[in-house]
Amino acid sequence: MDPARAKELLAHERRRIERTLAETAPANARELSDQDEHLADYASDLYQAEYEEGLAAQLQGELGALARAEARLAEGTYGLSVESGLPIPDERLEAFPLAERTVEEEARFAHGPS
């Protein structure tokens, strides 16, 4: 993949992740009222807070993957699998710029050792 295109894709990913993080209220910033509140409302608020906490954790993980991708771009190894060194197809990188492995390697990695 052309380094300029890779840089563009990674910059777009950074903006997306940072925008979504900014829009996600931290769970501890939400104030759950002690006033009479229907149990269903409380459960809904609790679910929303836990959802936002999970989303924030996922986005932090994506920021880590983005930093690794940017480092590989600077080293000239972006687009090569971190596992085997094989090229990751441009189509995969266009769809998922943070890809660190080929599809086959990622499937094995996700399922763990057999």
PDB file of N, CA and C in Angstrom:
ATOM      1  N   MET A   1       0.851  -1.177   0.000  1.00  0.00           N
ATOM      2  CA  MET A   1       0.000   0.000   0.000  1.00  0.00           C
ATOM      3  C   MET A   1       0.891   1.232   0.000  1.00  0.00           C
ATOM      4  N   ASP A   2       0.461   2.199  -0.759  1.00  0.00           N
ATOM      5  CA  ASP A   2       1.165   3.472  -0.839  1.00  0.00           C
ATOM      6  C   ASP A   2       1.213   4.115   0.552  1.00  0.00           C
ATOM      7  N   PRO A   3       2.382   4.521   1.033  1.00  0.00           N
ATOM      8  CA  PRO A   3       2.480   5.118   2.371  1.00  0.00           C
ATOM      9  C   PRO A   3       1.597   6.349   2.570  1.00  0.00           C
ATOM     10  N   ALA A   4       1.424   7.160   1.531  1.00  0.00           N
ATOM     11  CA  ALA A   4       0.566   8.339   1.665  1.00  0.00           C
ATOM     12  C   ALA A   4      -0.880   7.921   1.909  1.00  0.00           C
ATOM     13  N   ARG A   5      -1.323   6.874   1.202  1.00  0.00           N
ATOM     14  CA  ARG A   5      -2.688   6.379   1.398  1.00  0.00           C
ATOM     15  C   ARG A   5      -2.831   5.770   2.787  1.00  0.00           C
ATOM     16  N   ALA A   6      -1.825   5.037   3.229  1.00  0.00           N
ATOM     17  CA  ALA A   6      -1.854   4.446   4.564  1.00  0.00           C
ATOM     18  C   ALA A   6      -1.941   5.540   5.625  1.00  0.00           C
ATOM     19  N   LYS A   7      -1.164   6.593   5.457  1.00  0.00           N
ATOM     20  CA  LYS A   7      -1.188   7.705   6.412  1.00  0.00           C
ATOM     21  C   LYS A   7      -2.569   8.355   6.453  1.00  0.00           C
ATOM     22  N   GLU A   8      -3.186   8.507   5.283  1.00  0.00           N
ATOM     23  CA  GLU A   8      -4.535   9.080   5.187  1.00  0.00           C
ATOM     24  C   GLU A   8      -5.554   8.194   5.919  1.00  0.00           C
ATOM     25  N   LEU A   9      -5.478   6.884   5.694  1.00  0.00           N
ATOM     26  CA  LEU A   9      -6.403   5.956   6.346  1.00  0.00           C
ATOM     27  C   LEU A   9      -6.238   5.979   7.860  1.00  0.00           C
ATOM     28  N   LEU A  10      -4.998   5.999   8.322  1.00  0.00           N
ATOM     29  CA  LEU A  10      -4.744   6.005   9.755  1.00  0.00           C
ATOM     30  C   LEU A  10      -5.179   7.324  10.396  1.00  0.00           C
ATOM     31  N   ALA A  11      -4.998   8.426   9.690  1.00  0.00           N
ATOM     32  CA  ALA A  11      -5.458   9.725  10.212  1.00  0.00           C
ATOM     33  C   ALA A  11      -6.986   9.731  10.338  1.00  0.00           C
ATOM     34  N   HIS A  12      -7.659   9.148   9.365  1.00  0.00           N
ATOM     35  CA  HIS A  12      -9.125   9.048   9.414  1.00  0.00           C
ATOM     36  C   HIS A  12      -9.556   8.200  10.603  1.00  0.00           C
ATOM     37  N   GLU A  13      -8.866   7.086  10.825  1.00  0.00           N
ATOM     38  CA  GLU A  13      -9.176   6.225  11.967  1.00  0.00           C
ATOM     39  C   GLU A  13      -8.966   6.968  13.283  1.00  0.00           C
ATOM     40  N   ARG A  14      -7.875   7.743  13.389  1.00  0.00           N
ATOM     41  CA  ARG A  14      -7.612   8.501  14.614  1.00  0.00           C
ATOM     42  C   ARG A  14      -8.745   9.492  14.883  1.00  0.00           C
ATOM     43  N   ARG A  15      -9.173  10.199  13.844  1.00  0.00           N
ATOM     44  CA  ARG A  15     -10.276  11.161  14.024  1.00  0.00           C
ATOM     45  C   ARG A  15     -11.550  10.448  14.467  1.00  0.00           C
ATOM     46  N   ARG A  16     -11.847   9.301  13.847  1.00  0.00           N
ATOM     47  CA  ARG A  16     -13.060   8.549  14.192  1.00  0.00           C
ATOM     48  C   ARG A  16     -13.012   8.086  15.649  1.00  0.00           C
ATOM     49  N   ILE A  17     -11.904   7.517  16.046  1.00  0.00           N
ATOM     50  CA  ILE A  17     -11.777   6.999  17.411  1.00  0.00           C
ATOM     51  C   ILE A  17     -11.850   8.133  18.422  1.00  0.00           C
ATOM     52  N   GLU A  18     -11.104   9.200  18.194  1.00  0.00           N
ATOM     53  CA  GLU A  18     -11.092  10.315  19.145  1.00  0.00           C
ATOM     54  C   GLU A  18     -12.453  10.999  19.231  1.00  0.00           C
ATOM     55  N   ARG A  19     -13.148  11.125  18.092  1.00  0.00           N
ATOM     56  CA  ARG A  19     -14.491  11.733  18.095  1.00  0.00           C
ATOM     57  C   ARG A  19     -15.456  10.862  18.899  1.00  0.00           C
ATOM     58  N   THR A  20     -15.411   9.562  18.680  1.00  0.00           N
ATOM     59  CA  THR A  20     -16.304   8.657  19.388  1.00  0.00           C
ATOM     60  C   THR A  20     -15.993   8.640  20.875  1.00  0.00           C
ATOM     61  N   LEU A  21     -14.709   8.667  21.225  1.00  0.00           N
ATOM     62  CA  LEU A  21     -14.332   8.737  22.642  1.00  0.00           C
ATOM     63  C   LEU A  21     -14.861  10.011  23.296  1.00  0.00           C
ATOM     64  N   ALA A  22     -14.762  11.119  22.593  1.00  0.00           N
ATOM     65  CA  ALA A  22     -15.230  12.396  23.138  1.00  0.00           C
ATOM     66  C   ALA A  22     -16.750  12.394  23.328  1.00  0.00           C
ATOM     67  N   GLU A  23     -17.446  11.675  22.457  1.00  0.00           N
ATOM     68  CA  GLU A  23     -18.913  11.615  22.544  1.00  0.00           C
ATOM     69  C   GLU A  23     -19.390  10.643  23.607  1.00  0.00           C
ATOM     70  N   THR A  24     -18.508   9.775  24.078  1.00  0.00           N
ATOM     71  CA  THR A  24     -18.866   8.764  25.059  1.00  0.00           C
ATOM     72  C   THR A  24     -18.596   9.310  26.446  1.00  0.00           C
ATOM     73  N   ALA A  25     -19.658   9.512  27.201  1.00  0.00           N
ATOM     74  CA  ALA A  25     -19.511  10.031  28.563  1.00  0.00           C
ATOM     75  C   ALA A  25     -18.936   8.944  29.449  1.00  0.00           C
ATOM     76  N   PRO A  26     -17.885   9.254  30.205  1.00  0.00           N
ATOM     77  CA  PRO A  26     -17.359   8.257  31.137  1.00  0.00           C
ATOM     78  C   PRO A  26     -18.434   7.855  32.146  1.00  0.00           C
ATOM     79  N   ALA A  27     -18.447   6.583  32.516  1.00  0.00           N
ATOM     80  CA  ALA A  27     -19.469   6.070  33.424  1.00  0.00           C
ATOM     81  C   ALA A  27     -19.487   6.834  34.747  1.00  0.00           C
ATOM     82  N   ASN A  28     -18.314   7.222  35.248  1.00  0.00           N
ATOM     83  CA  ASN A  28     -18.281   7.917  36.536  1.00  0.00           C
ATOM     84  C   ASN A  28     -18.716   9.378  36.417  1.00  0.00           C
ATOM     85  N   ALA A  29     -18.840   9.890  35.206  1.00  0.00           N
ATOM     86  CA  ALA A  29     -19.290  11.271  35.034  1.00  0.00           C
ATOM     87  C   ALA A  29     -20.808  11.356  35.031  1.00  0.00           C
ATOM     88  N   ARG A  30     -21.465  10.225  34.815  1.00  0.00           N
ATOM     89  CA  ARG A  30     -22.917  10.196  34.833  1.00  0.00           C
ATOM     90  C   ARG A  30     -23.369  10.171  36.278  1.00  0.00           C
ATOM     91  N   GLU A  31     -24.365  10.957  36.587  1.00  0.00           N
ATOM     92  CA  GLU A  31     -24.851  11.000  37.953  1.00  0.00           C
ATOM     93  C   GLU A  31     -26.161  10.236  38.028  1.00  0.00           C
ATOM     94  N   LEU A  32     -26.162   9.184  38.829  1.00  0.00           N
ATOM     95  CA  LEU A  32     -27.396   8.436  39.050  1.00  0.00           C
ATOM     96  C   LEU A  32     -28.076   9.048  40.265  1.00  0.00           C
ATOM     97  N   SER A  33     -29.301   9.488  40.092  1.00  0.00           N
ATOM     98  CA  SER A  33     -30.039  10.197  41.123  1.00  0.00           C
ATOM     99  C   SER A  33     -30.507   9.267  42.235  1.00  0.00           C
ATOM    100  N   ASP A  34     -30.568   9.801  43.509  1.00  0.00           N
ATOM    101  CA  ASP A  34     -31.137   9.002  44.592  1.00  0.00           C
ATOM    102  C   ASP A  34     -32.623   9.307  44.743  1.00  0.00           C
ATOM    103  N   GLN A  35     -33.115  10.227  43.947  1.00  0.00           N
ATOM    104  CA  GLN A  35     -34.532  10.544  44.022  1.00  0.00           C
ATOM    105  C   GLN A  35     -35.329   9.335  43.567  1.00  0.00           C
ATOM    106  N   ASP A  36     -36.608   9.359  43.912  1.00  0.00           N
ATOM    107  CA  ASP A  36     -37.476   8.254  43.505  1.00  0.00           C
ATOM    108  C   ASP A  36     -37.338   8.039  42.014  1.00  0.00           C
ATOM    109  N   GLU A  37     -36.867   6.884  41.694  1.00  0.00           N
ATOM    110  CA  GLU A  37     -36.667   6.550  40.292  1.00  0.00           C
ATOM    111  C   GLU A  37     -37.224   5.156  40.086  1.00  0.00           C
ATOM    112  N   HIS A  38     -37.925   5.002  39.034  1.00  0.00           N
ATOM    113  CA  HIS A  38     -38.491   3.687  38.725  1.00  0.00           C
ATOM    114  C   HIS A  38     -37.351   2.710  38.504  1.00  0.00           C
ATOM    115  N   LEU A  39     -37.524   1.490  38.962  1.00  0.00           N
ATOM    116  CA  LEU A  39     -36.487   0.477  38.846  1.00  0.00           C
ATOM    117  C   LEU A  39     -36.052   0.274  37.399  1.00  0.00           C
ATOM    118  N   ALA A  40     -36.987   0.327  36.476  1.00  0.00           N
ATOM    119  CA  ALA A  40     -36.650   0.164  35.053  1.00  0.00           C
ATOM    120  C   ALA A  40     -35.779   1.312  34.570  1.00  0.00           C
ATOM    121  N   ASP A  41     -36.032   2.529  35.048  1.00  0.00           N
ATOM    122  CA  ASP A  41     -35.198   3.671  34.666  1.00  0.00           C
ATOM    123  C   ASP A  41     -33.784   3.497  35.206  1.00  0.00           C
ATOM    124  N   TYR A  42     -33.690   3.029  36.450  1.00  0.00           N
ATOM    125  CA  TYR A  42     -32.379   2.805  37.051  1.00  0.00           C
ATOM    126  C   TYR A  42     -31.623   1.734  36.265  1.00  0.00           C
ATOM    127  N   ALA A  43     -32.310   0.661  35.920  1.00  0.00           N
ATOM    128  CA  ALA A  43     -31.675  -0.421  35.158  1.00  0.00           C
ATOM    129  C   ALA A  43     -31.212   0.087  33.801  1.00  0.00           C
ATOM    130  N   SER A  44     -32.014   0.911  33.177  1.00  0.00           N
ATOM    131  CA  SER A  44     -31.649   1.480  31.876  1.00  0.00           C
ATOM    132  C   SER A  44     -30.413   2.366  32.003  1.00  0.00           C
ATOM    133  N   ASP A  45     -30.379   3.186  33.032  1.00  0.00           N
ATOM    134  CA  ASP A  45     -29.216   4.053  33.261  1.00  0.00           C
ATOM    135  C   ASP A  45     -27.964   3.226  33.539  1.00  0.00           C
ATOM    136  N   LEU A  46     -28.123   2.172  34.330  1.00  0.00           N
ATOM    137  CA  LEU A  46     -26.992   1.308  34.654  1.00  0.00           C
ATOM    138  C   LEU A  46     -26.474   0.607  33.396  1.00  0.00           C
ATOM    139  N   TYR A  47     -27.395   0.109  32.573  1.00  0.00           N
ATOM    140  CA  TYR A  47     -27.005  -0.532  31.315  1.00  0.00           C
ATOM    141  C   TYR A  47     -26.232   0.449  30.437  1.00  0.00           C
ATOM    142  N   GLN A  48     -26.755   1.679  30.318  1.00  0.00           N
ATOM    143  CA  GLN A  48     -26.111   2.691  29.475  1.00  0.00           C
ATOM    144  C   GLN A  48     -24.705   3.007  29.981  1.00  0.00           C
ATOM    145  N   ALA A  49     -24.563   3.118  31.302  1.00  0.00           N
ATOM    146  CA  ALA A  49     -23.248   3.412  31.877  1.00  0.00           C
ATOM    147  C   ALA A  49     -22.270   2.272  31.596  1.00  0.00           C
ATOM    148  N   GLU A  50     -22.729   1.021  31.732  1.00  0.00           N
ATOM    149  CA  GLU A  50     -21.855  -0.119  31.466  1.00  0.00           C
ATOM    150  C   GLU A  50     -21.524  -0.226  29.984  1.00  0.00           C
ATOM    151  N   TYR A  51     -22.495   0.074  29.126  1.00  0.00           N
ATOM    152  CA  TYR A  51     -22.254   0.063  27.685  1.00  0.00           C
ATOM    153  C   TYR A  51     -21.178   1.088  27.319  1.00  0.00           C
ATOM    154  N   GLU A  52     -21.312   2.291  27.849  1.00  0.00           N
ATOM    155  CA  GLU A  52     -20.351   3.350  27.554  1.00  0.00           C
ATOM    156  C   GLU A  52     -18.965   3.009  28.088  1.00  0.00           C
ATOM    157  N   GLU A  53     -18.907   2.358  29.239  1.00  0.00           N
ATOM    158  CA  GLU A  53     -17.619   1.946  29.798  1.00  0.00           C
ATOM    159  C   GLU A  53     -16.957   0.906  28.890  1.00  0.00           C
ATOM    160  N   GLY A  54     -17.746  -0.046  28.398  1.00  0.00           N
ATOM    161  CA  GLY A  54     -17.218  -1.061  27.482  1.00  0.00           C
ATOM    162  C   GLY A  54     -16.768  -0.456  26.168  1.00  0.00           C
ATOM    163  N   LEU A  55     -17.553   0.483  25.652  1.00  0.00           N
ATOM    164  CA  LEU A  55     -17.192   1.152  24.406  1.00  0.00           C
ATOM    165  C   LEU A  55     -15.905   1.943  24.568  1.00  0.00           C
ATOM    166  N   ALA A  56     -15.767   2.633  25.691  1.00  0.00           N
ATOM    167  CA  ALA A  56     -14.539   3.403  25.940  1.00  0.00           C
ATOM    168  C   ALA A  56     -13.329   2.475  26.017  1.00  0.00           C
ATOM    169  N   ALA A  57     -13.487   1.311  26.647  1.00  0.00           N
ATOM    170  CA  ALA A  57     -12.384   0.348  26.731  1.00  0.00           C
ATOM    171  C   ALA A  57     -12.020  -0.167  25.339  1.00  0.00           C
ATOM    172  N   GLN A  58     -13.026  -0.450  24.525  1.00  0.00           N
ATOM    173  CA  GLN A  58     -12.775  -0.902  23.157  1.00  0.00           C
ATOM    174  C   GLN A  58     -12.040   0.171  22.354  1.00  0.00           C
ATOM    175  N   LEU A  59     -12.463   1.415  22.497  1.00  0.00           N
ATOM    176  CA  LEU A  59     -11.824   2.506  21.763  1.00  0.00           C
ATOM    177  C   LEU A  59     -10.389   2.729  22.234  1.00  0.00           C
ATOM    178  N   GLN A  60     -10.125   2.547  23.519  1.00  0.00           N
ATOM    179  CA  GLN A  60      -8.751   2.657  24.019  1.00  0.00           C
ATOM    180  C   GLN A  60      -7.884   1.567  23.397  1.00  0.00           C
ATOM    181  N   GLY A  61      -8.456   0.370  23.252  1.00  0.00           N
ATOM    182  CA  GLY A  61      -7.734  -0.714  22.579  1.00  0.00           C
ATOM    183  C   GLY A  61      -7.439  -0.373  21.125  1.00  0.00           C
ATOM    184  N   GLU A  62      -8.410   0.256  20.463  1.00  0.00           N
ATOM    185  CA  GLU A  62      -8.201   0.676  19.077  1.00  0.00           C
ATOM    186  C   GLU A  62      -7.126   1.746  18.974  1.00  0.00           C
ATOM    187  N   LEU A  63      -7.061   2.636  19.970  1.00  0.00           N
ATOM    188  CA  LEU A  63      -5.994   3.645  19.971  1.00  0.00           C
ATOM    189  C   LEU A  63      -4.623   2.978  20.083  1.00  0.00           C
ATOM    190  N   GLY A  64      -4.541   1.916  20.873  1.00  0.00           N
ATOM    191  CA  GLY A  64      -3.285   1.166  20.977  1.00  0.00           C
ATOM    192  C   GLY A  64      -2.915   0.537  19.643  1.00  0.00           C
ATOM    193  N   ALA A  65      -3.904  -0.065  18.970  1.00  0.00           N
ATOM    194  CA  ALA A  65      -3.665  -0.669  17.656  1.00  0.00           C
ATOM    195  C   ALA A  65      -3.270   0.401  16.643  1.00  0.00           C
ATOM    196  N   LEU A  66      -3.868   1.576  16.758  1.00  0.00           N
ATOM    197  CA  LEU A  66      -3.536   2.686  15.860  1.00  0.00           C
ATOM    198  C   LEU A  66      -2.092   3.132  16.077  1.00  0.00           C
ATOM    199  N   ALA A  67      -1.670   3.238  17.321  1.00  0.00           N
ATOM    200  CA  ALA A  67      -0.285   3.631  17.621  1.00  0.00           C
ATOM    201  C   ALA A  67       0.691   2.602  17.047  1.00  0.00           C
ATOM    202  N   ARG A  68       0.354   1.315  17.159  1.00  0.00           N
ATOM    203  CA  ARG A  68       1.225   0.278  16.595  1.00  0.00           C
ATOM    204  C   ARG A  68       1.266   0.385  15.071  1.00  0.00           C
ATOM    205  N   ALA A  69       0.120   0.664  14.447  1.00  0.00           N
ATOM    206  CA  ALA A  69       0.077   0.803  12.986  1.00  0.00           C
ATOM    207  C   ALA A  69       0.902   2.010  12.540  1.00  0.00           C
ATOM    208  N   GLU A  70       0.789   3.118  13.270  1.00  0.00           N
ATOM    209  CA  GLU A  70       1.577   4.311  12.932  1.00  0.00           C
ATOM    210  C   GLU A  70       3.071   4.029  13.080  1.00  0.00           C
ATOM    211  N   ALA A  71       3.437   3.263  14.100  1.00  0.00           N
ATOM    212  CA  ALA A  71       4.852   2.912  14.285  1.00  0.00           C
ATOM    213  C   ALA A  71       5.336   2.032  13.130  1.00  0.00           C
ATOM    214  N   ARG A  72       4.499   1.072  12.708  1.00  0.00           N
ATOM    215  CA  ARG A  72       4.887   0.222  11.567  1.00  0.00           C
ATOM    216  C   ARG A  72       5.012   1.052  10.298  1.00  0.00           C
ATOM    217  N   LEU A  73       4.146   2.044  10.127  1.00  0.00           N
ATOM    218  CA  LEU A  73       4.231   2.918   8.952  1.00  0.00           C
ATOM    219  C   LEU A  73       5.557   3.678   8.975  1.00  0.00           C
ATOM    220  N   ALA A  74       5.934   4.197  10.126  1.00  0.00           N
ATOM    221  CA  ALA A  74       7.196   4.933  10.250  1.00  0.00           C
ATOM    222  C   ALA A  74       8.405   4.022  10.005  1.00  0.00           C
ATOM    223  N   GLU A  75       8.278   2.742  10.383  1.00  0.00           N
ATOM    224  CA  GLU A  75       9.375   1.786  10.195  1.00  0.00           C
ATOM    225  C   GLU A  75       9.405   1.198   8.787  1.00  0.00           C
ATOM    226  N   GLY A  76       8.332   1.433   8.025  1.00  0.00           N
ATOM    227  CA  GLY A  76       8.254   0.867   6.684  1.00  0.00           C
ATOM    228  C   GLY A  76       7.715  -0.548   6.637  1.00  0.00           C
ATOM    229  N   THR A  77       7.099  -1.006   7.731  1.00  0.00           N
ATOM    230  CA  THR A  77       6.562  -2.374   7.759  1.00  0.00           C
ATOM    231  C   THR A  77       5.031  -2.408   7.781  1.00  0.00           C
ATOM    232  N   TYR A  78       4.396  -1.250   7.633  1.00  0.00           N
ATOM    233  CA  TYR A  78       2.931  -1.223   7.591  1.00  0.00           C
ATOM    234  C   TYR A  78       2.468  -2.030   6.375  1.00  0.00           C
ATOM    235  N   GLY A  79       1.453  -2.856   6.572  1.00  0.00           N
ATOM    236  CA  GLY A  79       0.954  -3.681   5.482  1.00  0.00           C
ATOM    237  C   GLY A  79       1.556  -5.066   5.453  1.00  0.00           C
ATOM    238  N   LEU A  80       2.477  -5.320   6.383  1.00  0.00           N
ATOM    239  CA  LEU A  80       3.051  -6.658   6.519  1.00  0.00           C
ATOM    240  C   LEU A  80       2.554  -7.259   7.833  1.00  0.00           C
ATOM    241  N   SER A  81       2.213  -8.529   7.808  1.00  0.00           N
ATOM    242  CA  SER A  81       1.719  -9.206   8.995  1.00  0.00           C
ATOM    243  C   SER A  81       2.765  -9.175  10.103  1.00  0.00           C
ATOM    244  N   VAL A  82       2.321  -8.857  11.312  1.00  0.00           N
ATOM    245  CA  VAL A  82       3.227  -8.876  12.461  1.00  0.00           C
ATOM    246  C   VAL A  82       3.562 -10.303  12.858  1.00  0.00           C
ATOM    247  N   GLU A  83       2.786 -11.251  12.363  1.00  0.00           N
ATOM    248  CA  GLU A  83       3.003 -12.651  12.701  1.00  0.00           C
ATOM    249  C   GLU A  83       3.970 -13.323  11.729  1.00  0.00           C
ATOM    250  N   SER A  84       3.706 -13.179  10.436  1.00  0.00           N
ATOM    251  CA  SER A  84       4.479 -13.927   9.443  1.00  0.00           C
ATOM    252  C   SER A  84       5.338 -13.050   8.542  1.00  0.00           C
ATOM    253  N   GLY A  85       5.045 -11.744   8.511  1.00  0.00           N
ATOM    254  CA  GLY A  85       5.752 -10.861   7.589  1.00  0.00           C
ATOM    255  C   GLY A  85       5.167 -10.877   6.188  1.00  0.00           C
ATOM    256  N   LEU A  86       4.107 -11.691   5.976  1.00  0.00           N
ATOM    257  CA  LEU A  86       3.459 -11.730   4.668  1.00  0.00           C
ATOM    258  C   LEU A  86       2.689 -10.441   4.430  1.00  0.00           C
ATOM    259  N   PRO A  87       2.542 -10.024   3.176  1.00  0.00           N
ATOM    260  CA  PRO A  87       1.769  -8.820   2.882  1.00  0.00           C
ATOM    261  C   PRO A  87       0.291  -8.997   3.242  1.00  0.00           C
ATOM    262  N   ILE A  88      -0.275  -7.976   3.818  1.00  0.00           N
ATOM    263  CA  ILE A  88      -1.710  -7.923   4.073  1.00  0.00           C
ATOM    264  C   ILE A  88      -2.318  -7.269   2.831  1.00  0.00           C
ATOM    265  N   PRO A  89      -3.307  -7.895   2.201  1.00  0.00           N
ATOM    266  CA  PRO A  89      -3.874  -7.320   0.976  1.00  0.00           C
ATOM    267  C   PRO A  89      -4.391  -5.889   1.190  1.00  0.00           C
ATOM    268  N   ASP A  90      -4.162  -5.047   0.172  1.00  0.00           N
ATOM    269  CA  ASP A  90      -4.611  -3.656   0.249  1.00  0.00           C
ATOM    270  C   ASP A  90      -6.105  -3.555   0.528  1.00  0.00           C
ATOM    271  N   GLU A  91      -6.896  -4.484  -0.019  1.00  0.00           N
ATOM    272  CA  GLU A  91      -8.342  -4.458   0.205  1.00  0.00           C
ATOM    273  C   GLU A  91      -8.665  -4.583   1.693  1.00  0.00           C
ATOM    274  N   ARG A  92      -7.910  -5.427   2.384  1.00  0.00           N
ATOM    275  CA  ARG A  92      -8.116  -5.591   3.830  1.00  0.00           C
ATOM    276  C   ARG A  92      -7.726  -4.316   4.564  1.00  0.00           C
ATOM    277  N   LEU A  93      -6.617  -3.726   4.173  1.00  0.00           N
ATOM    278  CA  LEU A  93      -6.167  -2.493   4.834  1.00  0.00           C
ATOM    279  C   LEU A  93      -7.117  -1.331   4.559  1.00  0.00           C
ATOM    280  N   GLU A  94      -7.701  -1.288   3.371  1.00  0.00           N
ATOM    281  CA  GLU A  94      -8.687  -0.244   3.072  1.00  0.00           C
ATOM    282  C   GLU A  94      -9.908  -0.394   3.976  1.00  0.00           C
ATOM    283  N   ALA A  95     -10.341  -1.646   4.179  1.00  0.00           N
ATOM    284  CA  ALA A  95     -11.517  -1.900   4.999  1.00  0.00           C
ATOM    285  C   ALA A  95     -11.210  -1.791   6.491  1.00  0.00           C
ATOM    286  N   PHE A  96     -10.006  -2.195   6.873  1.00  0.00           N
ATOM    287  CA  PHE A  96      -9.606  -2.231   8.282  1.00  0.00           C
ATOM    288  C   PHE A  96      -8.146  -1.798   8.395  1.00  0.00           C
ATOM    289  N   PRO A  97      -7.911  -0.475   8.421  1.00  0.00           N
ATOM    290  CA  PRO A  97      -6.534   0.042   8.418  1.00  0.00           C
ATOM    291  C   PRO A  97      -5.672  -0.401   9.601  1.00  0.00           C
ATOM    292  N   LEU A  98      -6.295  -0.864  10.677  1.00  0.00           N
ATOM    293  CA  LEU A  98      -5.538  -1.275  11.859  1.00  0.00           C
ATOM    294  C   LEU A  98      -5.130  -2.744  11.807  1.00  0.00           C
ATOM    295  N   ALA A  99      -5.419  -3.429  10.691  1.00  0.00           N
ATOM    296  CA  ALA A  99      -5.118  -4.858  10.575  1.00  0.00           C
ATOM    297  C   ALA A  99      -3.632  -5.106  10.829  1.00  0.00           C
ATOM    298  N   GLU A 100      -3.370  -6.119  11.648  1.00  0.00           N
ATOM    299  CA  GLU A 100      -1.991  -6.484  11.969  1.00  0.00           C
ATOM    300  C   GLU A 100      -1.603  -7.829  11.358  1.00  0.00           C
ATOM    301  N   ARG A 101      -2.607  -8.559  10.886  1.00  0.00           N
ATOM    302  CA  ARG A 101      -2.378  -9.897  10.337  1.00  0.00           C
ATOM    303  C   ARG A 101      -3.239 -10.100   9.097  1.00  0.00           C
ATOM    304  N   THR A 102      -2.922 -11.140   8.335  1.00  0.00           N
ATOM    305  CA  THR A 102      -3.795 -11.528   7.229  1.00  0.00           C
ATOM    306  C   THR A 102      -5.090 -12.081   7.821  1.00  0.00           C
ATOM    307  N   VAL A 103      -6.107 -12.230   7.003  1.00  0.00           N
ATOM    308  CA  VAL A 103      -7.391 -12.753   7.474  1.00  0.00           C
ATOM    309  C   VAL A 103      -7.208 -14.143   8.093  1.00  0.00           C
ATOM    310  N   GLU A 104      -6.459 -14.987   7.417  1.00  0.00           N
ATOM    311  CA  GLU A 104      -6.246 -16.356   7.902  1.00  0.00           C
ATOM    312  C   GLU A 104      -5.527 -16.350   9.255  1.00  0.00           C
ATOM    313  N   GLU A 105      -4.494 -15.535   9.373  1.00  0.00           N
ATOM    314  CA  GLU A 105      -3.746 -15.458  10.632  1.00  0.00           C
ATOM    315  C   GLU A 105      -4.632 -14.893  11.743  1.00  0.00           C
ATOM    316  N   GLU A 106      -5.436 -13.904  11.422  1.00  0.00           N
ATOM    317  CA  GLU A 106      -6.315 -13.295  12.420  1.00  0.00           C
ATOM    318  C   GLU A 106      -7.334 -14.312  12.924  1.00  0.00           C
ATOM    319  N   ALA A 107      -7.852 -15.143  12.015  1.00  0.00           N
ATOM    320  CA  ALA A 107      -8.809 -16.179  12.426  1.00  0.00           C
ATOM    321  C   ALA A 107      -8.149 -17.151  13.408  1.00  0.00           C
ATOM    322  N   ARG A 108      -6.923 -17.555  13.120  1.00  0.00           N
ATOM    323  CA  ARG A 108      -6.206 -18.451  14.044  1.00  0.00           C
ATOM    324  C   ARG A 108      -5.924 -17.743  15.368  1.00  0.00           C
ATOM    325  N   PHE A 109      -5.511 -16.485  15.288  1.00  0.00           N
ATOM    326  CA  PHE A 109      -5.194 -15.709  16.485  1.00  0.00           C
ATOM    327  C   PHE A 109      -6.428 -15.547  17.366  1.00  0.00           C
ATOM    328  N   ALA A 110      -7.572 -15.253  16.763  1.00  0.00           N
ATOM    329  CA  ALA A 110      -8.809 -15.029  17.509  1.00  0.00           C
ATOM    330  C   ALA A 110      -9.303 -16.296  18.199  1.00  0.00           C
ATOM    331  N   HIS A 111      -9.042 -17.448  17.597  1.00  0.00           N
ATOM    332  CA  HIS A 111      -9.507 -18.714  18.178  1.00  0.00           C
ATOM    333  C   HIS A 111      -8.509 -19.306  19.164  1.00  0.00           C
ATOM    334  N   GLY A 112      -7.330 -18.750  19.220  1.00  0.00           N
ATOM    335  CA  GLY A 112      -6.319 -19.230  20.164  1.00  0.00           C
ATOM    336  C   GLY A 112      -5.735 -20.568  19.759  1.00  0.00           C
ATOM    337  N   PRO A 113      -4.863 -21.093  20.600  1.00  0.00           N
ATOM    338  CA  PRO A 113      -4.224 -22.375  20.271  1.00  0.00           C
ATOM    339  C   PRO A 113      -5.247 -23.505  20.242  1.00  0.00           C
ATOM    340  N   SER A 114      -5.034 -24.434  19.336  1.00  0.00           N
ATOM    341  CA  SER A 114      -5.962 -25.567  19.189  1.00  0.00           C
ATOM    342  C   SER A 114      -5.658 -26.653  20.169  1.00  0.00           C
TER     343      SER A 114
END
